[in-house]
mmCIF file of all heavy atoms, coordinates in Angstrom:
data_MODEL
# 
_entry.id   MODEL 
# 
loop_
_atom_site.group_PDB 
_atom_site.id 
_atom_site.type_symbol 
_atom_site.label_atom_id 
_atom_site.label_alt_id 
_atom_site.label_comp_id 
_atom_site.label_asym_id 
_atom_site.label_entity_id 
_atom_site.label_seq_id 
_atom_site.pdbx_PDB_ins_code 
_atom_site.Cartn_x 
_atom_site.Cartn_y 
_atom_site.Cartn_z 
_atom_site.occupancy 
_atom_site.B_iso_or_equiv 
_atom_site.pdbx_formal_charge 
_atom_site.auth_seq_id 
_atom_site.auth_comp_id 
_atom_site.auth_asym_id 
_atom_site.auth_atom_id 
_atom_site.pdbx_PDB_model_num 
ATOM 1   N N   . ASN A 1 1  ? 2.824   9.775  18.547  1.00 0.00 ? 1  ASN A N   1 
ATOM 2   C CA  . ASN A 1 1  ? 1.725   9.120  19.264  1.00 0.00 ? 1  ASN A CA  1 
ATOM 3   C C   . ASN A 1 1  ? 0.368   9.745  18.934  1.00 0.00 ? 1  ASN A C   1 
ATOM 4   O O   . ASN A 1 1  ? -0.532  9.759  19.760  1.00 0.00 ? 1  ASN A O   1 
ATOM 5   C CB  . ASN A 1 1  ? 1.957   9.190  20.777  1.00 0.00 ? 1  ASN A CB  1 
ATOM 6   C CG  . ASN A 1 1  ? 3.184   8.401  21.213  1.00 0.00 ? 1  ASN A CG  1 
ATOM 7   O OD1 . ASN A 1 1  ? 3.290   7.220  20.898  1.00 0.00 ? 1  ASN A OD1 1 
ATOM 8   N ND2 . ASN A 1 1  ? 4.099   9.049  21.905  1.00 0.00 ? 1  ASN A ND2 1 
ATOM 9   N N   . MET A 1 2  ? 0.239   10.259 17.741  1.00 0.00 ? 2  MET A N   1 
ATOM 10  C CA  . MET A 1 2  ? -0.964  10.977 17.369  1.00 0.00 ? 2  MET A CA  1 
ATOM 11  C C   . MET A 1 2  ? -1.870  10.113 16.493  1.00 0.00 ? 2  MET A C   1 
ATOM 12  O O   . MET A 1 2  ? -1.478  9.068  15.983  1.00 0.00 ? 2  MET A O   1 
ATOM 13  C CB  . MET A 1 2  ? -0.598  12.266 16.623  1.00 0.00 ? 2  MET A CB  1 
ATOM 14  C CG  . MET A 1 2  ? 0.342   13.186 17.398  1.00 0.00 ? 2  MET A CG  1 
ATOM 15  S SD  . MET A 1 2  ? -0.376  13.833 18.921  1.00 0.00 ? 2  MET A SD  1 
ATOM 16  C CE  . MET A 1 2  ? -1.541  14.991 18.211  1.00 0.00 ? 2  MET A CE  1 
ATOM 17  N N   . ARG A 1 3  ? -3.092  10.600 16.287  1.00 0.00 ? 3  ARG A N   1 
ATOM 18  C CA  . ARG A 1 3  ? -4.074  9.910  15.466  1.00 0.00 ? 3  ARG A CA  1 
ATOM 19  C C   . ARG A 1 3  ? -3.603  9.775  14.017  1.00 0.00 ? 3  ARG A C   1 
ATOM 20  O O   . ARG A 1 3  ? -3.997  8.852  13.308  1.00 0.00 ? 3  ARG A O   1 
ATOM 21  C CB  . ARG A 1 3  ? -5.395  10.685 15.515  1.00 0.00 ? 3  ARG A CB  1 
ATOM 22  C CG  . ARG A 1 3  ? -6.494  10.117 14.635  1.00 0.00 ? 3  ARG A CG  1 
ATOM 23  C CD  . ARG A 1 3  ? -7.764  10.950 14.779  1.00 0.00 ? 3  ARG A CD  1 
ATOM 24  N NE  . ARG A 1 3  ? -8.821  10.466 13.910  1.00 0.00 ? 3  ARG A NE  1 
ATOM 25  C CZ  . ARG A 1 3  ? -9.018  10.896 12.661  1.00 0.00 ? 3  ARG A CZ  1 
ATOM 26  N NH1 . ARG A 1 3  ? -8.229  11.826 12.170  1.00 0.00 ? 3  ARG A NH1 1 
ATOM 27  N NH2 . ARG A 1 3  ? -9.998  10.421 11.932  1.00 0.00 ? 3  ARG A NH2 1 
ATOM 28  N N   . CYS A 1 4  ? -2.732  10.684 13.586  1.00 0.00 ? 4  CYS A N   1 
ATOM 29  C CA  . CYS A 1 4  ? -2.307  10.668 12.190  1.00 0.00 ? 4  CYS A CA  1 
ATOM 30  C C   . CYS A 1 4  ? -1.347  9.530  11.882  1.00 0.00 ? 4  CYS A C   1 
ATOM 31  O O   . CYS A 1 4  ? -1.046  9.281  10.711  1.00 0.00 ? 4  CYS A O   1 
ATOM 32  C CB  . CYS A 1 4  ? -1.668  11.998 11.828  1.00 0.00 ? 4  CYS A CB  1 
ATOM 33  S SG  . CYS A 1 4  ? -0.263  12.437 12.865  1.00 0.00 ? 4  CYS A SG  1 
ATOM 34  N N   . GLN A 1 5  ? -0.844  8.847  12.893  1.00 0.00 ? 5  GLN A N   1 
ATOM 35  C CA  . GLN A 1 5  ? 0.134   7.792  12.658  1.00 0.00 ? 5  GLN A CA  1 
ATOM 36  C C   . GLN A 1 5  ? -0.553  6.474  12.286  1.00 0.00 ? 5  GLN A C   1 
ATOM 37  O O   . GLN A 1 5  ? -1.321  5.925  13.060  1.00 0.00 ? 5  GLN A O   1 
ATOM 38  C CB  . GLN A 1 5  ? 0.994   7.585  13.902  1.00 0.00 ? 5  GLN A CB  1 
ATOM 39  C CG  . GLN A 1 5  ? 1.969   8.723  14.172  1.00 0.00 ? 5  GLN A CG  1 
ATOM 40  C CD  . GLN A 1 5  ? 2.969   8.866  13.042  1.00 0.00 ? 5  GLN A CD  1 
ATOM 41  O OE1 . GLN A 1 5  ? 3.613   7.915  12.637  1.00 0.00 ? 5  GLN A OE1 1 
ATOM 42  N NE2 . GLN A 1 5  ? 3.097   10.072 12.524  1.00 0.00 ? 5  GLN A NE2 1 
ATOM 43  N N   . VAL A 1 6  ? -0.283  6.007  11.099  1.00 0.00 ? 6  VAL A N   1 
ATOM 44  C CA  . VAL A 1 6  ? -0.787  4.715  10.651  1.00 0.00 ? 6  VAL A CA  1 
ATOM 45  C C   . VAL A 1 6  ? 0.410   3.906  10.172  1.00 0.00 ? 6  VAL A C   1 
ATOM 46  O O   . VAL A 1 6  ? 1.047   4.253  9.181   1.00 0.00 ? 6  VAL A O   1 
ATOM 47  C CB  . VAL A 1 6  ? -1.815  4.849  9.517   1.00 0.00 ? 6  VAL A CB  1 
ATOM 48  C CG1 . VAL A 1 6  ? -2.249  3.469  9.044   1.00 0.00 ? 6  VAL A CG1 1 
ATOM 49  C CG2 . VAL A 1 6  ? -3.016  5.654  9.986   1.00 0.00 ? 6  VAL A CG2 1 
ATOM 50  N N   . ALA A 1 7  ? 0.734   2.868  10.900  1.00 0.00 ? 7  ALA A N   1 
ATOM 51  C CA  . ALA A 1 7  ? 1.816   1.977  10.486  1.00 0.00 ? 7  ALA A CA  1 
ATOM 52  C C   . ALA A 1 7  ? 1.225   0.959  9.507   1.00 0.00 ? 7  ALA A C   1 
ATOM 53  O O   . ALA A 1 7  ? 0.334   1.265  8.739   1.00 0.00 ? 7  ALA A O   1 
ATOM 54  C CB  . ALA A 1 7  ? 2.439   1.308  11.704  1.00 0.00 ? 7  ALA A CB  1 
ATOM 55  N N   . GLU A 1 8  ? 1.682   -0.234 9.544   1.00 0.00 ? 8  GLU A N   1 
ATOM 56  C CA  . GLU A 1 8  ? 1.108   -1.259 8.679   1.00 0.00 ? 8  GLU A CA  1 
ATOM 57  C C   . GLU A 1 8  ? -0.274  -1.656 9.178   1.00 0.00 ? 8  GLU A C   1 
ATOM 58  O O   . GLU A 1 8  ? -0.507  -1.744 10.377  1.00 0.00 ? 8  GLU A O   1 
ATOM 59  C CB  . GLU A 1 8  ? 2.023   -2.475 8.617   1.00 0.00 ? 8  GLU A CB  1 
ATOM 60  C CG  . GLU A 1 8  ? 3.341   -2.211 7.899   1.00 0.00 ? 8  GLU A CG  1 
ATOM 61  C CD  . GLU A 1 8  ? 4.113   -3.478 7.659   1.00 0.00 ? 8  GLU A CD  1 
ATOM 62  O OE1 . GLU A 1 8  ? 3.806   -4.483 8.316   1.00 0.00 ? 8  GLU A OE1 1 
ATOM 63  O OE2 . GLU A 1 8  ? 5.018   -3.465 6.806   1.00 0.00 ? 8  GLU A OE2 1 
ATOM 64  N N   . ALA A 1 9  ? -1.181  -1.860 8.257   1.00 0.00 ? 9  ALA A N   1 
ATOM 65  C CA  . ALA A 1 9  ? -2.560  -2.200 8.574   1.00 0.00 ? 9  ALA A CA  1 
ATOM 66  C C   . ALA A 1 9  ? -3.019  -3.296 7.621   1.00 0.00 ? 9  ALA A C   1 
ATOM 67  O O   . ALA A 1 9  ? -2.372  -3.556 6.600   1.00 0.00 ? 9  ALA A O   1 
ATOM 68  C CB  . ALA A 1 9  ? -3.449  -0.959 8.448   1.00 0.00 ? 9  ALA A CB  1 
ATOM 69  N N   . PRO A 1 10 ? -4.132  -3.967 7.942   1.00 0.00 ? 10 PRO A N   1 
ATOM 70  C CA  . PRO A 1 10 ? -4.627  -4.991 7.014   1.00 0.00 ? 10 PRO A CA  1 
ATOM 71  C C   . PRO A 1 10 ? -4.906  -4.398 5.635   1.00 0.00 ? 10 PRO A C   1 
ATOM 72  O O   . PRO A 1 10 ? -5.565  -3.361 5.521   1.00 0.00 ? 10 PRO A O   1 
ATOM 73  C CB  . PRO A 1 10 ? -5.923  -5.471 7.681   1.00 0.00 ? 10 PRO A CB  1 
ATOM 74  C CG  . PRO A 1 10 ? -5.776  -5.115 9.122   1.00 0.00 ? 10 PRO A CG  1 
ATOM 75  C CD  . PRO A 1 10 ? -4.975  -3.855 9.159   1.00 0.00 ? 10 PRO A CD  1 
ATOM 76  N N   . LEU A 1 11 ? -4.395  -5.030 4.604   1.00 0.00 ? 11 LEU A N   1 
ATOM 77  C CA  . LEU A 1 11 ? -4.644  -4.550 3.259   1.00 0.00 ? 11 LEU A CA  1 
ATOM 78  C C   . LEU A 1 11 ? -6.101  -4.783 2.869   1.00 0.00 ? 11 LEU A C   1 
ATOM 79  O O   . LEU A 1 11 ? -6.719  -5.762 3.311   1.00 0.00 ? 11 LEU A O   1 
ATOM 80  C CB  . LEU A 1 11 ? -3.734  -5.268 2.260   1.00 0.00 ? 11 LEU A CB  1 
ATOM 81  C CG  . LEU A 1 11 ? -2.233  -4.994 2.356   1.00 0.00 ? 11 LEU A CG  1 
ATOM 82  C CD1 . LEU A 1 11 ? -1.492  -5.842 1.329   1.00 0.00 ? 11 LEU A CD1 1 
ATOM 83  C CD2 . LEU A 1 11 ? -1.928  -3.514 2.141   1.00 0.00 ? 11 LEU A CD2 1 
ATOM 84  N N   . PRO A 1 12 ? -6.683  -3.910 2.060   1.00 0.00 ? 12 PRO A N   1 
ATOM 85  C CA  . PRO A 1 12 ? -8.017  -4.181 1.520   1.00 0.00 ? 12 PRO A CA  1 
ATOM 86  C C   . PRO A 1 12 ? -8.024  -5.469 0.708   1.00 0.00 ? 12 PRO A C   1 
ATOM 87  O O   . PRO A 1 12 ? -6.967  -6.046 0.414   1.00 0.00 ? 12 PRO A O   1 
ATOM 88  C CB  . PRO A 1 12 ? -8.288  -2.954 0.641   1.00 0.00 ? 12 PRO A CB  1 
ATOM 89  C CG  . PRO A 1 12 ? -7.392  -1.883 1.168   1.00 0.00 ? 12 PRO A CG  1 
ATOM 90  C CD  . PRO A 1 12 ? -6.157  -2.606 1.651   1.00 0.00 ? 12 PRO A CD  1 
ATOM 91  N N   . ALA A 1 13 ? -9.202  -5.914 0.339   1.00 0.00 ? 13 ALA A N   1 
ATOM 92  C CA  . ALA A 1 13 ? -9.325  -7.175 -0.410  1.00 0.00 ? 13 ALA A CA  1 
ATOM 93  C C   . ALA A 1 13 ? -8.507  -7.136 -1.695  1.00 0.00 ? 13 ALA A C   1 
ATOM 94  O O   . ALA A 1 13 ? -7.892  -8.127 -2.085  1.00 0.00 ? 13 ALA A O   1 
ATOM 95  C CB  . ALA A 1 13 ? -10.790 -7.459 -0.717  1.00 0.00 ? 13 ALA A CB  1 
ATOM 96  N N   . ARG A 1 14 ? -8.481  -5.985 -2.353  1.00 0.00 ? 14 ARG A N   1 
ATOM 97  C CA  . ARG A 1 14 ? -7.656  -5.809 -3.555  1.00 0.00 ? 14 ARG A CA  1 
ATOM 98  C C   . ARG A 1 14 ? -6.937  -4.473 -3.469  1.00 0.00 ? 14 ARG A C   1 
ATOM 99  O O   . ARG A 1 14 ? -7.494  -3.482 -2.998  1.00 0.00 ? 14 ARG A O   1 
ATOM 100 C CB  . ARG A 1 14 ? -8.509  -5.833 -4.836  1.00 0.00 ? 14 ARG A CB  1 
ATOM 101 C CG  . ARG A 1 14 ? -9.240  -7.132 -5.085  1.00 0.00 ? 14 ARG A CG  1 
ATOM 102 C CD  . ARG A 1 14 ? -9.923  -7.106 -6.460  1.00 0.00 ? 14 ARG A CD  1 
ATOM 103 N NE  . ARG A 1 14 ? -10.882 -8.201 -6.576  1.00 0.00 ? 14 ARG A NE  1 
ATOM 104 C CZ  . ARG A 1 14 ? -12.167 -8.093 -6.261  1.00 0.00 ? 14 ARG A CZ  1 
ATOM 105 N NH1 . ARG A 1 14 ? -12.642 -6.929 -5.850  1.00 0.00 ? 14 ARG A NH1 1 
ATOM 106 N NH2 . ARG A 1 14 ? -12.969 -9.119 -6.363  1.00 0.00 ? 14 ARG A NH2 1 
ATOM 107 N N   . VAL A 1 15 ? -5.724  -4.450 -3.936  1.00 0.00 ? 15 VAL A N   1 
ATOM 108 C CA  . VAL A 1 15 ? -4.942  -3.227 -4.045  1.00 0.00 ? 15 VAL A CA  1 
ATOM 109 C C   . VAL A 1 15 ? -4.155  -3.289 -5.343  1.00 0.00 ? 15 VAL A C   1 
ATOM 110 O O   . VAL A 1 15 ? -4.009  -4.358 -5.948  1.00 0.00 ? 15 VAL A O   1 
ATOM 111 C CB  . VAL A 1 15 ? -3.969  -3.040 -2.850  1.00 0.00 ? 15 VAL A CB  1 
ATOM 112 C CG1 . VAL A 1 15 ? -4.714  -2.669 -1.585  1.00 0.00 ? 15 VAL A CG1 1 
ATOM 113 C CG2 . VAL A 1 15 ? -3.121  -4.296 -2.643  1.00 0.00 ? 15 VAL A CG2 1 
ATOM 114 N N   . LEU A 1 16 ? -3.645  -2.159 -5.758  1.00 0.00 ? 16 LEU A N   1 
ATOM 115 C CA  . LEU A 1 16 ? -2.753  -2.116 -6.908  1.00 0.00 ? 16 LEU A CA  1 
ATOM 116 C C   . LEU A 1 16 ? -1.327  -2.268 -6.415  1.00 0.00 ? 16 LEU A C   1 
ATOM 117 O O   . LEU A 1 16 ? -0.868  -1.497 -5.570  1.00 0.00 ? 16 LEU A O   1 
ATOM 118 C CB  . LEU A 1 16 ? -2.909  -0.799 -7.661  1.00 0.00 ? 16 LEU A CB  1 
ATOM 119 C CG  . LEU A 1 16 ? -4.286  -0.532 -8.266  1.00 0.00 ? 16 LEU A CG  1 
ATOM 120 C CD1 . LEU A 1 16 ? -4.343  0.888  -8.825  1.00 0.00 ? 16 LEU A CD1 1 
ATOM 121 C CD2 . LEU A 1 16 ? -4.610  -1.551 -9.348  1.00 0.00 ? 16 LEU A CD2 1 
ATOM 122 N N   . ASP A 1 17 ? -0.643  -3.261 -6.915  1.00 0.00 ? 17 ASP A N   1 
ATOM 123 C CA  . ASP A 1 17 ? 0.763   -3.466 -6.595  1.00 0.00 ? 17 ASP A CA  1 
ATOM 124 C C   . ASP A 1 17 ? 1.560   -2.561 -7.523  1.00 0.00 ? 17 ASP A C   1 
ATOM 125 O O   . ASP A 1 17 ? 1.645   -2.796 -8.726  1.00 0.00 ? 17 ASP A O   1 
ATOM 126 C CB  . ASP A 1 17 ? 1.137   -4.931 -6.808  1.00 0.00 ? 17 ASP A CB  1 
ATOM 127 C CG  . ASP A 1 17 ? 2.587   -5.230 -6.463  1.00 0.00 ? 17 ASP A CG  1 
ATOM 128 O OD1 . ASP A 1 17 ? 3.357   -4.273 -6.254  1.00 0.00 ? 17 ASP A OD1 1 
ATOM 129 O OD2 . ASP A 1 17 ? 2.953   -6.412 -6.406  1.00 0.00 ? 17 ASP A OD2 1 
ATOM 130 N N   . ILE A 1 18 ? 2.132   -1.494 -6.971  1.00 0.00 ? 18 ILE A N   1 
ATOM 131 C CA  . ILE A 1 18 ? 2.811   -0.509 -7.799  1.00 0.00 ? 18 ILE A CA  1 
ATOM 132 C C   . ILE A 1 18 ? 4.325   -0.574 -7.652  1.00 0.00 ? 18 ILE A C   1 
ATOM 133 O O   . ILE A 1 18 ? 5.047   0.206  -8.273  1.00 0.00 ? 18 ILE A O   1 
ATOM 134 C CB  . ILE A 1 18 ? 2.328   0.917  -7.478  1.00 0.00 ? 18 ILE A CB  1 
ATOM 135 C CG1 . ILE A 1 18 ? 2.659   1.285  -6.027  1.00 0.00 ? 18 ILE A CG1 1 
ATOM 136 C CG2 . ILE A 1 18 ? 0.841   1.043  -7.739  1.00 0.00 ? 18 ILE A CG2 1 
ATOM 137 C CD1 . ILE A 1 18 ? 2.327   2.727  -5.673  1.00 0.00 ? 18 ILE A CD1 1 
ATOM 138 N N   . LYS A 1 19 ? 4.832   -1.494 -6.835  1.00 0.00 ? 19 LYS A N   1 
ATOM 139 C CA  . LYS A 1 19 ? 6.267   -1.560 -6.597  1.00 0.00 ? 19 LYS A CA  1 
ATOM 140 C C   . LYS A 1 19 ? 6.931   -2.751 -7.279  1.00 0.00 ? 19 LYS A C   1 
ATOM 141 O O   . LYS A 1 19 ? 7.971   -2.613 -7.896  1.00 0.00 ? 19 LYS A O   1 
ATOM 142 C CB  . LYS A 1 19 ? 6.555   -1.604 -5.085  1.00 0.00 ? 19 LYS A CB  1 
ATOM 143 C CG  . LYS A 1 19 ? 6.536   -0.249 -4.423  1.00 0.00 ? 19 LYS A CG  1 
ATOM 144 C CD  . LYS A 1 19 ? 7.705   0.606  -4.904  1.00 0.00 ? 19 LYS A CD  1 
ATOM 145 C CE  . LYS A 1 19 ? 7.786   1.908  -4.129  1.00 0.00 ? 19 LYS A CE  1 
ATOM 146 N NZ  . LYS A 1 19 ? 8.893   2.772  -4.599  1.00 0.00 ? 19 LYS A NZ  1 
ATOM 147 N N   . SER A 1 20 ? 6.326   -3.927 -7.143  1.00 0.00 ? 20 SER A N   1 
ATOM 148 C CA  . SER A 1 20 ? 6.982   -5.118 -7.675  1.00 0.00 ? 20 SER A CA  1 
ATOM 149 C C   . SER A 1 20 ? 6.856   -5.214 -9.186  1.00 0.00 ? 20 SER A C   1 
ATOM 150 O O   . SER A 1 20 ? 7.635   -5.893 -9.836  1.00 0.00 ? 20 SER A O   1 
ATOM 151 C CB  . SER A 1 20 ? 6.396   -6.377 -7.024  1.00 0.00 ? 20 SER A CB  1 
ATOM 152 O OG  . SER A 1 20 ? 5.015   -6.497 -7.304  1.00 0.00 ? 20 SER A OG  1 
ATOM 153 N N   . ALA A 1 21 ? 5.851   -4.533 -9.748  1.00 0.00 ? 21 ALA A N   1 
ATOM 154 C CA  . ALA A 1 21 ? 5.694   -4.529 -11.198 1.00 0.00 ? 21 ALA A CA  1 
ATOM 155 C C   . ALA A 1 21 ? 6.725   -3.589 -11.826 1.00 0.00 ? 21 ALA A C   1 
ATOM 156 O O   . ALA A 1 21 ? 7.426   -2.857 -11.138 1.00 0.00 ? 21 ALA A O   1 
ATOM 157 C CB  . ALA A 1 21 ? 4.272   -4.093 -11.572 1.00 0.00 ? 21 ALA A CB  1 
ATOM 158 N N   . SER A 1 22 ? 6.814   -3.620 -13.153 1.00 0.00 ? 22 SER A N   1 
ATOM 159 C CA  . SER A 1 22 ? 7.762   -2.755 -13.847 1.00 0.00 ? 22 SER A CA  1 
ATOM 160 C C   . SER A 1 22 ? 7.318   -1.302 -13.742 1.00 0.00 ? 22 SER A C   1 
ATOM 161 O O   . SER A 1 22 ? 6.147   -1.027 -13.462 1.00 0.00 ? 22 SER A O   1 
ATOM 162 C CB  . SER A 1 22 ? 7.847   -3.160 -15.324 1.00 0.00 ? 22 SER A CB  1 
ATOM 163 O OG  . SER A 1 22 ? 6.620   -2.867 -15.979 1.00 0.00 ? 22 SER A OG  1 
ATOM 164 N N   . PRO A 1 23 ? 8.234   -0.338 -13.972 1.00 0.00 ? 23 PRO A N   1 
ATOM 165 C CA  . PRO A 1 23 ? 7.841   1.077  -13.914 1.00 0.00 ? 23 PRO A CA  1 
ATOM 166 C C   . PRO A 1 23 ? 6.710   1.422  -14.876 1.00 0.00 ? 23 PRO A C   1 
ATOM 167 O O   . PRO A 1 23 ? 5.954   2.357  -14.634 1.00 0.00 ? 23 PRO A O   1 
ATOM 168 C CB  . PRO A 1 23 ? 9.137   1.815  -14.289 1.00 0.00 ? 23 PRO A CB  1 
ATOM 169 C CG  . PRO A 1 23 ? 10.236  0.869  -13.927 1.00 0.00 ? 23 PRO A CG  1 
ATOM 170 C CD  . PRO A 1 23 ? 9.674   -0.502 -14.192 1.00 0.00 ? 23 PRO A CD  1 
ATOM 171 N N   . GLU A 1 24 ? 6.595   0.669  -15.973 1.00 0.00 ? 24 GLU A N   1 
ATOM 172 C CA  . GLU A 1 24 ? 5.551   0.947  -16.953 1.00 0.00 ? 24 GLU A CA  1 
ATOM 173 C C   . GLU A 1 24 ? 4.251   0.241  -16.629 1.00 0.00 ? 24 GLU A C   1 
ATOM 174 O O   . GLU A 1 24 ? 3.238   0.480  -17.279 1.00 0.00 ? 24 GLU A O   1 
ATOM 175 C CB  . GLU A 1 24 ? 6.005   0.516  -18.355 1.00 0.00 ? 24 GLU A CB  1 
ATOM 176 C CG  . GLU A 1 24 ? 7.192   1.284  -18.906 1.00 0.00 ? 24 GLU A CG  1 
ATOM 177 C CD  . GLU A 1 24 ? 8.512   0.823  -18.311 1.00 0.00 ? 24 GLU A CD  1 
ATOM 178 O OE1 . GLU A 1 24 ? 8.563   -0.315 -17.817 1.00 0.00 ? 24 GLU A OE1 1 
ATOM 179 O OE2 . GLU A 1 24 ? 9.470   1.617  -18.332 1.00 0.00 ? 24 GLU A OE2 1 
ATOM 180 N N   . GLY A 1 25 ? 4.260   -0.647 -15.638 1.00 0.00 ? 25 GLY A N   1 
ATOM 181 C CA  . GLY A 1 25 ? 3.067   -1.423 -15.379 1.00 0.00 ? 25 GLY A CA  1 
ATOM 182 C C   . GLY A 1 25 ? 2.791   -1.623 -13.907 1.00 0.00 ? 25 GLY A C   1 
ATOM 183 O O   . GLY A 1 25 ? 3.656   -1.421 -13.053 1.00 0.00 ? 25 GLY A O   1 
ATOM 184 N N   . ILE A 1 26 ? 1.572   -1.982 -13.610 1.00 0.00 ? 26 ILE A N   1 
ATOM 185 C CA  . ILE A 1 26 ? 1.135   -2.313 -12.256 1.00 0.00 ? 26 ILE A CA  1 
ATOM 186 C C   . ILE A 1 26 ? 0.294   -3.575 -12.362 1.00 0.00 ? 26 ILE A C   1 
ATOM 187 O O   . ILE A 1 26 ? 0.041   -4.080 -13.458 1.00 0.00 ? 26 ILE A O   1 
ATOM 188 C CB  . ILE A 1 26 ? 0.298   -1.179 -11.627 1.00 0.00 ? 26 ILE A CB  1 
ATOM 189 C CG1 . ILE A 1 26 ? -0.949  -0.897 -12.492 1.00 0.00 ? 26 ILE A CG1 1 
ATOM 190 C CG2 . ILE A 1 26 ? 1.135   0.080  -11.457 1.00 0.00 ? 26 ILE A CG2 1 
ATOM 191 C CD1 . ILE A 1 26 ? -1.896  0.107  -11.888 1.00 0.00 ? 26 ILE A CD1 1 
# 
């Protein structure tokens, strides 16, 4: 229950998708 806890939040306008892409790419 502390300030350090951040669950899911609104994503910024752009982010790097690092999971769905291949290990060699984003």
